[in-house]
Amino acid sequence: MTDAAELRARAQELLKAHPPATTGRTDFLKARFDAGLAWVHYPAGLGGLDAPRSLQVVVDAELAAAGAPDNDPRRIGIGLGMAAPTILAYGTEEQKERFLRPLWVGEEVWCQLFSEPGAGSDLAALGTRAVRDGDTWVVNGQKVWTSSAHVARWAILVARTDPGLPKHRGITYFLCDMTDPGVEVRPLRQITGEAEFNEVFLTGVRIPDAHRLGEVGDGWKVAQTTLMNERVSIGGMRIPREGGMIGPVSRTWRERPSLRTHDLHQRLLDLWVDAEVARLTGERLRQQLVAGRPGPEGSGMKLAFARLNQEISGLEVELLGEDGLLYDDWTMRRPELVDFTGRDAGYRYLRSKGNSIEGGTSEVLLNIVAERVLGLPPEPRNDKDVAWKDLTR
């Protein structure tokens, strides 16, 4: 079995053969992938070494100490956190060979074509249609709230292939080329002034059957892998103490004592403790991932992430008083990545409002935690055995 000492040795071999100071960023990342040091828990030949997931930090620390470049994970988060584990779980060997390397290196950005105007919280009600035509599928429909669609090369897509089946059973999962002429991406401007989200129109898009992920009609099962990984990647990110939203407000508290009040002090203490508990819980969740795939526990972490971000950013605006009402820039932009903490308090306050919607609404996640973690009886559903085409919409 690969151990920490062997991984350090492999990292040093990589650094010796490809010195970061004289090797181009992309060339170094490709060499790292080929050496099995991209994600060590992945199979050999696909960027890993079949090593325990917990040993990834050994490689990361060794390479960071030598000044090696990373793959800018925030820019390619959808690919790393959602597309890659789904392709690994359900993809053919050809699909894994084709997609995983450029995904990890960052040569190809991914987006997620799941939500629709009439199928957000109830994703299984989606109406985008995929009709088979020989060795291809012709896709028509609309997707919405698509992060990074304006910079994406590929998309993970769920579409309805059999409207005569109940809504969860007539769905198939595809890998969609975003450069297809039938793909139109339009910006959705948010309350922050930016347009990190998009709506995507699919008109006669032809997807080869070779880009179908999983069996026909198994799209809902495949999508569960994506969604569980999405919630872990959003709510279970590795951050240091006082990382995330609690960092800026803690610094403001220390640096501007004139703003302090007893009430704000008590609220900040409560939120600081909650943020630290969430951080440590996220670390425990990542350790549990060593034993298998993510489960519904990730939904609980994403719930905590949304609540904390909204409460902490609200406290920060209140702490700053009149300064908290300022906003740095309303310019319409289409950013390549989302930085929750990189701008001012006003931006953090407004952007955090989306945290309880994106990646699964808090209401839906509460149901998941209730039913799949706590074992409570599910809510009555009278549409489970009704063909999708017969549902009222």
Protein backbone atom coordinates (compact mmCIF):
# COMPACT_ATOMS: atom_id res chain seq x y z
CA MET A 1 0.00 0.00 0.00
CA THR A 2 1.20 3.52 -0.82
CA ASP A 3 2.21 5.39 2.34
CA ALA A 4 3.17 8.98 3.15
CA ALA A 5 6.90 8.36 2.71
CA GLU A 6 6.40 6.94 -0.76
CA LEU A 7 4.21 9.85 -1.77
CA ARG A 8 6.81 12.34 -0.59
CA ALA A 9 9.41 10.50 -2.62
CA ARG A 10 7.21 10.54 -5.69
CA ALA A 11 6.57 14.25 -5.22
CA GLN A 12 10.31 14.91 -5.04
CA GLU A 13 10.85 12.88 -8.21
CA LEU A 14 8.23 14.99 -9.96
CA LEU A 15 9.86 18.22 -8.77
CA LYS A 16 13.28 17.03 -9.91
CA ALA A 17 12.06 16.04 -13.37
CA HIS A 18 9.86 19.14 -13.79
CA PRO A 19 11.23 22.04 -11.71
CA PRO A 20 8.38 24.52 -11.13
CA ALA A 21 10.70 27.46 -11.75
CA THR A 22 11.47 26.36 -15.31
CA THR A 23 8.39 24.32 -16.26
CA GLY A 24 5.24 25.88 -17.66
CA ARG A 25 2.20 25.72 -15.42
CA THR A 26 0.13 23.48 -17.69
CA ASP A 27 3.08 21.19 -18.43
CA PHE A 28 3.74 20.77 -14.72
CA LEU A 29 0.10 19.96 -13.96
CA LYS A 30 0.00 17.39 -16.75
CA ALA A 31 3.15 15.77 -15.41
CA ARG A 32 1.65 15.74 -11.91
CA PHE A 33 -1.48 14.04 -13.22
CA ASP A 34 0.55 11.45 -15.12
CA ALA A 35 2.60 10.76 -11.97
CA GLY A 36 -0.57 9.85 -10.07
CA LEU A 37 -0.29 12.83 -7.74
CA ALA A 38 -3.38 14.76 -8.89
CA TRP A 39 -5.92 12.98 -6.69
CA VAL A 40 -4.09 10.06 -5.11
CA HIS A 41 -7.25 8.12 -4.26
CA TYR A 42 -8.20 7.83 -7.94
CA PRO A 43 -7.11 4.74 -9.90
CA ALA A 44 -3.61 4.45 -11.30
CA GLY A 45 -3.51 5.85 -14.81
CA LEU A 46 -6.29 8.35 -14.07
CA GLY A 47 -4.30 10.80 -12.00
CA GLY A 48 -4.09 8.65 -8.87
CA LEU A 49 -2.35 5.75 -7.21
CA ASP A 50 -5.24 3.92 -5.52
CA ALA A 51 -3.94 5.43 -2.27
CA PRO A 52 -6.04 6.54 0.72
CA ARG A 53 -7.76 9.87 0.16
CA SER A 54 -6.36 11.12 3.46
CA LEU A 55 -2.82 11.13 2.01
CA GLN A 56 -3.62 13.83 -0.56
CA VAL A 57 -2.58 16.49 1.95
CA VAL A 58 0.93 14.98 2.03
CA VAL A 59 1.36 15.54 -1.70
CA ASP A 60 -0.22 19.00 -1.63
CA ALA A 61 2.06 20.16 1.20
CA GLU A 62 5.20 18.80 -0.45
CA LEU A 63 4.49 20.50 -3.77
CA ALA A 64 3.30 23.77 -2.22
CA ALA A 65 6.52 24.02 -0.21
CA ALA A 66 8.47 23.83 -3.48
CA GLY A 67 6.41 26.60 -5.07
CA ALA A 68 4.62 24.32 -7.51
CA PRO A 69 1.46 25.69 -9.18
CA ASP A 70 -1.96 24.33 -8.32
CA ASN A 71 -4.85 23.81 -10.74
CA ASP A 72 -6.84 26.81 -9.49
CA PRO A 73 -9.55 24.64 -7.89
CA ARG A 74 -12.01 27.50 -7.37
CA ARG A 75 -12.12 28.12 -11.13
CA ILE A 76 -12.77 24.46 -11.96
CA GLY A 77 -14.75 23.52 -8.86
CA ILE A 78 -17.73 22.06 -10.73
CA GLY A 79 -15.43 19.79 -12.71
CA LEU A 80 -13.44 18.68 -9.69
CA GLY A 81 -16.28 18.39 -7.20
CA MET A 82 -19.15 17.12 -9.36
CA ALA A 83 -18.23 15.99 -12.88
CA ALA A 84 -15.07 14.06 -12.02
CA PRO A 85 -16.48 11.79 -9.28
CA THR A 86 -19.54 11.08 -11.43
CA ILE A 87 -17.44 10.20 -14.48
CA LEU A 88 -15.25 8.02 -12.29
CA ALA A 89 -18.28 6.19 -10.88
CA TYR A 90 -20.29 5.71 -14.08
CA GLY A 91 -18.08 6.52 -17.05
CA THR A 92 -16.67 4.06 -19.55
CA GLU A 93 -12.91 3.61 -19.68
CA GLU A 94 -12.86 5.74 -22.83
CA GLN A 95 -14.76 8.54 -21.08
CA LYS A 96 -12.43 8.49 -18.10
CA GLU A 97 -9.38 8.62 -20.35
CA ARG A 98 -10.84 11.45 -22.44
CA PHE A 99 -12.20 13.75 -19.77
CA LEU A 100 -10.44 13.41 -16.42
CA ARG A 101 -6.97 14.70 -17.35
CA PRO A 102 -7.99 17.98 -19.07
CA LEU A 103 -10.61 18.47 -16.35
CA TRP A 104 -8.09 18.25 -13.51
CA VAL A 105 -5.41 20.24 -15.30
CA GLY A 106 -7.95 23.01 -15.93
CA GLU A 107 -7.77 22.97 -19.71
CA GLU A 108 -11.52 22.31 -19.85
CA VAL A 109 -13.96 24.06 -17.51
CA TRP A 110 -17.24 22.29 -16.67
CA CYS A 111 -20.71 23.51 -15.80
CA GLN A 112 -23.89 21.80 -14.58
CA LEU A 113 -27.07 21.73 -16.68
CA PHE A 114 -29.58 20.46 -14.12
CA SER A 115 -32.09 23.09 -12.90
CA GLU A 116 -34.86 24.39 -15.16
CA PRO A 117 -37.46 27.16 -14.85
CA GLY A 118 -40.02 24.52 -13.83
CA ALA A 119 -37.69 22.05 -12.15
CA GLY A 120 -35.48 23.47 -9.44
CA SER A 121 -36.27 22.07 -6.02
CA ASP A 122 -38.19 19.28 -7.75
CA LEU A 123 -35.39 18.45 -10.17
CA ALA A 124 -36.98 15.16 -11.25
CA ALA A 125 -39.77 17.18 -12.91
CA LEU A 126 -37.32 18.42 -15.55
CA GLY A 127 -38.67 18.75 -19.08
CA THR A 128 -35.60 19.10 -21.32
CA ARG A 129 -36.03 16.34 -23.92
CA ALA A 130 -33.45 14.05 -25.47
CA VAL A 131 -34.66 11.98 -28.42
CA ARG A 132 -32.47 9.26 -29.89
CA ASP A 133 -31.55 9.54 -33.57
CA GLY A 134 -29.26 6.67 -34.51
CA ASP A 135 -25.98 7.06 -32.62
CA THR A 136 -26.84 10.53 -31.35
CA TRP A 137 -29.37 12.19 -29.09
CA VAL A 138 -31.14 15.40 -30.10
CA VAL A 139 -31.66 17.66 -27.09
CA ASN A 140 -34.10 20.57 -26.78
CA GLY A 141 -34.90 22.55 -23.64
CA GLN A 142 -33.81 25.25 -21.22
CA LYS A 143 -31.61 25.18 -18.14
CA VAL A 144 -31.16 27.94 -15.58
CA TRP A 145 -28.90 29.10 -12.71
CA THR A 146 -25.89 27.62 -14.53
CA SER A 147 -22.64 28.78 -12.95
CA SER A 148 -19.67 29.18 -15.33
CA ALA A 149 -21.66 28.30 -18.46
CA HIS A 150 -20.10 31.34 -20.17
CA VAL A 151 -16.60 29.88 -19.79
CA ALA A 152 -17.36 26.15 -19.83
CA ARG A 153 -16.18 23.72 -22.48
CA TRP A 154 -18.30 20.80 -21.19
CA ALA A 155 -21.45 20.32 -19.14
CA ILE A 156 -23.02 17.54 -17.14
CA LEU A 157 -26.62 17.36 -18.35
CA VAL A 158 -29.76 15.51 -17.31
CA ALA A 159 -32.59 15.23 -19.84
CA ARG A 160 -35.85 13.33 -20.18
CA THR A 161 -35.63 10.40 -22.57
CA ASP A 162 -38.92 8.65 -21.78
CA PRO A 163 -41.87 10.87 -20.81
CA GLY A 164 -44.07 7.79 -20.48
CA LEU A 165 -42.29 6.71 -17.27
CA PRO A 166 -42.62 8.25 -13.78
CA LYS A 167 -40.50 11.35 -13.44
CA HIS A 168 -37.54 9.75 -11.63
CA ARG A 169 -37.24 6.87 -14.08
CA GLY A 170 -37.32 8.50 -17.52
CA ILE A 171 -34.14 10.57 -17.17
CA THR A 172 -30.72 9.99 -18.78
CA TYR A 173 -27.38 11.64 -17.98
CA PHE A 174 -25.15 13.14 -20.71
CA LEU A 175 -21.88 14.99 -21.20
CA CYS A 176 -22.69 18.00 -23.38
CA ASP A 177 -20.28 19.97 -25.56
CA MET A 178 -20.92 23.65 -24.75
CA THR A 179 -19.39 24.72 -28.08
CA ASP A 180 -22.18 23.03 -30.05
CA PRO A 181 -23.93 25.61 -32.27
CA GLY A 182 -27.28 24.70 -30.68
CA VAL A 183 -26.11 25.88 -27.23
CA GLU A 184 -26.96 29.49 -26.34
CA VAL A 185 -25.78 31.00 -23.05
CA ARG A 186 -27.42 34.16 -21.67
CA PRO A 187 -26.29 35.98 -18.50
CA LEU A 188 -28.51 36.28 -15.42
CA ARG A 189 -27.64 39.45 -13.53
CA GLN A 190 -27.77 39.02 -9.77
CA ILE A 191 -28.43 41.33 -6.85
CA THR A 192 -24.64 41.82 -6.58
CA GLY A 193 -24.50 43.35 -10.07
CA GLU A 194 -22.56 40.39 -11.44
CA ALA A 195 -23.73 37.58 -13.70
CA GLU A 196 -21.94 34.47 -12.51
CA PHE A 197 -25.11 32.49 -13.32
CA ASN A 198 -26.61 31.93 -16.73
CA GLU A 199 -29.60 30.49 -18.49
CA VAL A 200 -28.79 28.00 -21.23
CA PHE A 201 -31.00 27.24 -24.23
CA LEU A 202 -30.50 23.92 -26.01
CA THR A 203 -31.90 23.82 -29.55
CA GLY A 204 -31.31 20.71 -31.62
CA VAL A 205 -28.10 19.93 -29.76
CA ARG A 206 -26.68 16.62 -30.96
CA ILE A 207 -24.92 14.55 -28.30
CA PRO A 208 -23.19 11.32 -29.37
CA ASP A 209 -24.42 8.25 -27.52
CA ALA A 210 -20.76 7.77 -26.60
CA HIS A 211 -21.21 10.81 -24.33
CA ARG A 212 -24.06 9.23 -22.39
CA LEU A 213 -23.06 8.56 -18.77
CA GLY A 214 -24.66 5.44 -17.33
CA GLU A 215 -27.53 3.47 -18.80
CA VAL A 216 -30.52 4.99 -20.58
CA GLY A 217 -33.11 5.81 -17.93
CA ASP A 218 -30.59 5.69 -15.06
CA GLY A 219 -29.99 9.43 -15.06
CA TRP A 220 -31.59 10.04 -11.67
CA LYS A 221 -29.33 7.48 -10.01
CA VAL A 222 -26.26 8.95 -11.70
CA ALA A 223 -27.35 12.47 -10.76
CA GLN A 224 -27.49 11.52 -7.08
CA THR A 225 -23.74 10.96 -7.14
CA THR A 226 -23.32 14.45 -8.60
CA LEU A 227 -25.65 16.10 -6.10
CA MET A 228 -24.14 14.42 -3.04
CA ASN A 229 -20.66 15.46 -4.14
CA GLU A 230 -21.89 18.98 -4.90
CA ARG A 231 -23.17 19.46 -1.36
CA VAL A 232 -19.94 18.18 0.13
CA SER A 233 -17.88 20.45 -2.13
CA ILE A 234 -19.97 23.50 -1.12
CA GLY A 235 -20.47 22.83 2.58
CA GLY A 236 -17.41 20.74 3.39
CA MET A 237 -14.58 22.82 1.96
CA ARG A 238 -11.29 22.62 3.85
CA ILE A 239 -10.61 26.00 5.46
CA PRO A 240 -8.33 27.14 8.29
CA ARG A 241 -9.59 28.48 11.58
CA GLU A 242 -11.27 31.85 10.95
CA GLY A 243 -11.42 31.01 7.26
CA GLY A 244 -14.53 31.82 5.27
CA MET A 245 -17.03 34.48 6.30
CA ILE A 246 -16.04 34.59 9.96
CA GLY A 247 -12.55 35.84 9.07
CA PRO A 248 -13.35 39.38 7.84
CA VAL A 249 -15.78 40.18 10.66
CA SER A 250 -13.32 38.88 13.27
CA ARG A 251 -10.57 41.10 11.84
CA THR A 252 -12.88 44.11 11.85
CA TRP A 253 -13.75 43.43 15.49
CA ARG A 254 -10.08 43.34 16.51
CA GLU A 255 -8.96 46.30 14.41
CA ARG A 256 -11.83 48.71 15.11
CA PRO A 257 -12.67 48.59 18.84
CA SER A 258 -14.82 51.72 18.55
CA LEU A 259 -17.47 49.64 16.77
CA ARG A 260 -17.91 47.17 19.60
CA THR A 261 -21.03 46.76 21.71
CA HIS A 262 -21.92 44.15 24.28
CA ASP A 263 -24.74 42.76 22.13
CA LEU A 264 -22.56 42.49 19.01
CA HIS A 265 -19.82 40.86 21.08
CA GLN A 266 -22.16 38.11 22.27
CA ARG A 267 -23.50 37.48 18.78
CA LEU A 268 -20.01 37.34 17.31
CA LEU A 269 -18.90 34.84 19.95
CA ASP A 270 -21.88 32.61 19.22
CA LEU A 271 -21.24 32.70 15.47
CA TRP A 272 -17.50 32.19 15.89
CA VAL A 273 -18.17 29.00 17.87
CA ASP A 274 -20.74 27.82 15.31
CA ALA A 275 -18.28 28.47 12.48
CA GLU A 276 -15.55 26.51 14.23
CA VAL A 277 -17.91 23.62 14.94
CA ALA A 278 -18.92 23.59 11.27
CA ARG A 279 -15.27 23.64 10.20
CA LEU A 280 -14.36 20.69 12.42
CA THR A 281 -17.48 18.80 11.34
CA GLY A 282 -16.45 19.33 7.74
CA GLU A 283 -13.05 17.85 8.53
CA ARG A 284 -14.71 14.81 10.06
CA LEU A 285 -16.93 14.45 7.00
CA ARG A 286 -13.89 14.48 4.71
CA GLN A 287 -12.33 11.74 6.84
CA GLN A 288 -15.49 9.68 6.46
CA LEU A 289 -15.18 10.00 2.68
CA VAL A 290 -12.06 7.87 2.90
CA ALA A 291 -14.35 4.90 3.53
CA GLY A 292 -16.67 5.52 0.57
CA ARG A 293 -18.82 7.91 -1.39
CA PRO A 294 -20.53 10.94 0.15
CA GLY A 295 -23.95 10.40 1.68
CA PRO A 296 -26.75 12.64 2.86
CA GLU A 297 -24.57 14.05 5.66
CA GLY A 298 -23.23 16.52 3.10
CA SER A 299 -26.69 18.07 2.98
CA GLY A 300 -26.38 18.93 6.68
CA MET A 301 -23.04 20.62 6.06
CA LYS A 302 -24.43 22.63 3.18
CA LEU A 303 -27.34 23.72 5.39
CA ALA A 304 -24.92 24.97 8.04
CA PHE A 305 -22.81 26.73 5.39
CA ALA A 306 -25.80 28.73 4.13
CA ARG A 307 -27.11 29.68 7.57
CA LEU A 308 -23.73 30.75 8.88
CA ASN A 309 -22.81 32.81 5.83
CA GLN A 310 -26.08 34.72 5.97
CA GLU A 311 -25.96 35.36 9.72
CA ILE A 312 -22.26 36.28 9.78
CA SER A 313 -22.51 38.66 6.81
CA GLY A 314 -25.56 40.28 8.40
CA LEU A 315 -23.63 40.80 11.63
CA GLU A 316 -20.72 42.31 9.71
CA VAL A 317 -22.94 44.89 7.98
CA GLU A 318 -24.49 45.79 11.33
CA LEU A 319 -21.07 46.05 13.01
CA LEU A 320 -19.81 48.48 10.36
CA GLY A 321 -22.75 50.84 10.82
CA GLU A 322 -22.90 53.46 8.05
CA ASP A 323 -19.88 51.93 6.31
CA GLY A 324 -21.80 48.69 6.01
CA LEU A 325 -24.27 50.38 3.67
CA LEU A 326 -21.56 51.12 1.09
CA TYR A 327 -21.03 48.94 -1.99
CA ASP A 328 -17.82 48.96 -3.96
CA ASP A 329 -18.94 48.32 -7.53
CA TRP A 330 -22.23 47.57 -9.29
CA THR A 331 -20.53 47.00 -12.66
CA MET A 332 -22.01 44.15 -14.69
CA ARG A 333 -19.34 41.44 -14.80
CA ARG A 334 -19.26 37.77 -15.76
CA PRO A 335 -16.69 36.37 -13.32
CA GLU A 336 -14.88 33.09 -13.88
CA LEU A 337 -15.11 32.17 -10.20
CA VAL A 338 -16.98 33.16 -7.06
CA ASP A 339 -15.06 34.70 -4.19
CA PHE A 340 -17.40 34.87 -1.20
CA THR A 341 -14.96 36.85 0.95
CA GLY A 342 -12.78 38.77 -1.51
CA ARG A 343 -14.87 41.92 -1.76
CA ASP A 344 -16.52 44.26 0.75
CA ALA A 345 -19.10 43.57 3.44
CA GLY A 346 -21.99 44.69 1.23
CA TYR A 347 -21.06 42.16 -1.43
CA ARG A 348 -20.72 39.38 1.13
CA TYR A 349 -24.13 40.22 2.58
CA LEU A 350 -25.90 40.22 -0.79
CA ARG A 351 -24.08 37.22 -2.27
CA SER A 352 -24.77 35.05 0.77
CA LYS A 353 -28.51 35.26 0.06
CA GLY A 354 -27.96 32.78 -2.73
CA ASN A 355 -26.29 30.23 -0.45
CA SER A 356 -29.64 28.86 0.72
CA ILE A 357 -30.75 28.34 -2.90
CA GLU A 358 -27.72 27.14 -4.90
CA GLY A 359 -26.66 23.52 -4.61
CA GLY A 360 -30.10 22.53 -3.30
CA THR A 361 -32.46 24.81 -1.41
CA SER A 362 -32.35 24.69 2.36
CA GLU A 363 -35.97 23.46 2.41
CA VAL A 364 -35.13 20.46 0.23
CA LEU A 365 -31.97 19.72 2.22
CA LEU A 366 -33.96 19.75 5.47
CA ASN A 367 -36.17 17.04 4.01
CA ILE A 368 -33.11 15.00 3.00
CA VAL A 369 -31.63 15.25 6.48
CA ALA A 370 -34.96 14.38 8.08
CA GLU A 371 -35.59 11.33 5.91
CA ARG A 372 -32.11 9.95 5.19
CA VAL A 373 -30.14 10.94 8.30
CA LEU A 374 -32.74 11.04 11.07
CA GLY A 375 -34.93 8.30 9.58
CA LEU A 376 -38.16 10.27 9.84
CA PRO A 377 -41.09 9.21 7.63
CA PRO A 378 -41.10 10.88 4.21
CA GLU A 379 -43.68 13.38 3.15
CA PRO A 380 -46.60 11.89 1.18
CA ARG A 381 -45.94 11.94 -2.56
CA ASN A 382 -48.79 11.16 -4.93
CA ASP A 383 -46.79 11.53 -8.16
CA LYS A 384 -44.18 8.80 -7.75
CA ASP A 385 -45.94 6.26 -9.95
CA VAL A 386 -47.53 8.68 -12.44
CA ALA A 387 -46.02 9.02 -15.92
CA TRP A 388 -44.23 12.33 -16.33
CA LYS A 389 -46.35 13.22 -19.36
CA ASP A 390 -49.51 12.94 -17.22
CA LEU A 391 -48.32 15.23 -14.44
CA THR A 392 -49.91 18.64 -13.99
CA ARG A 393 -47.44 21.37 -14.90
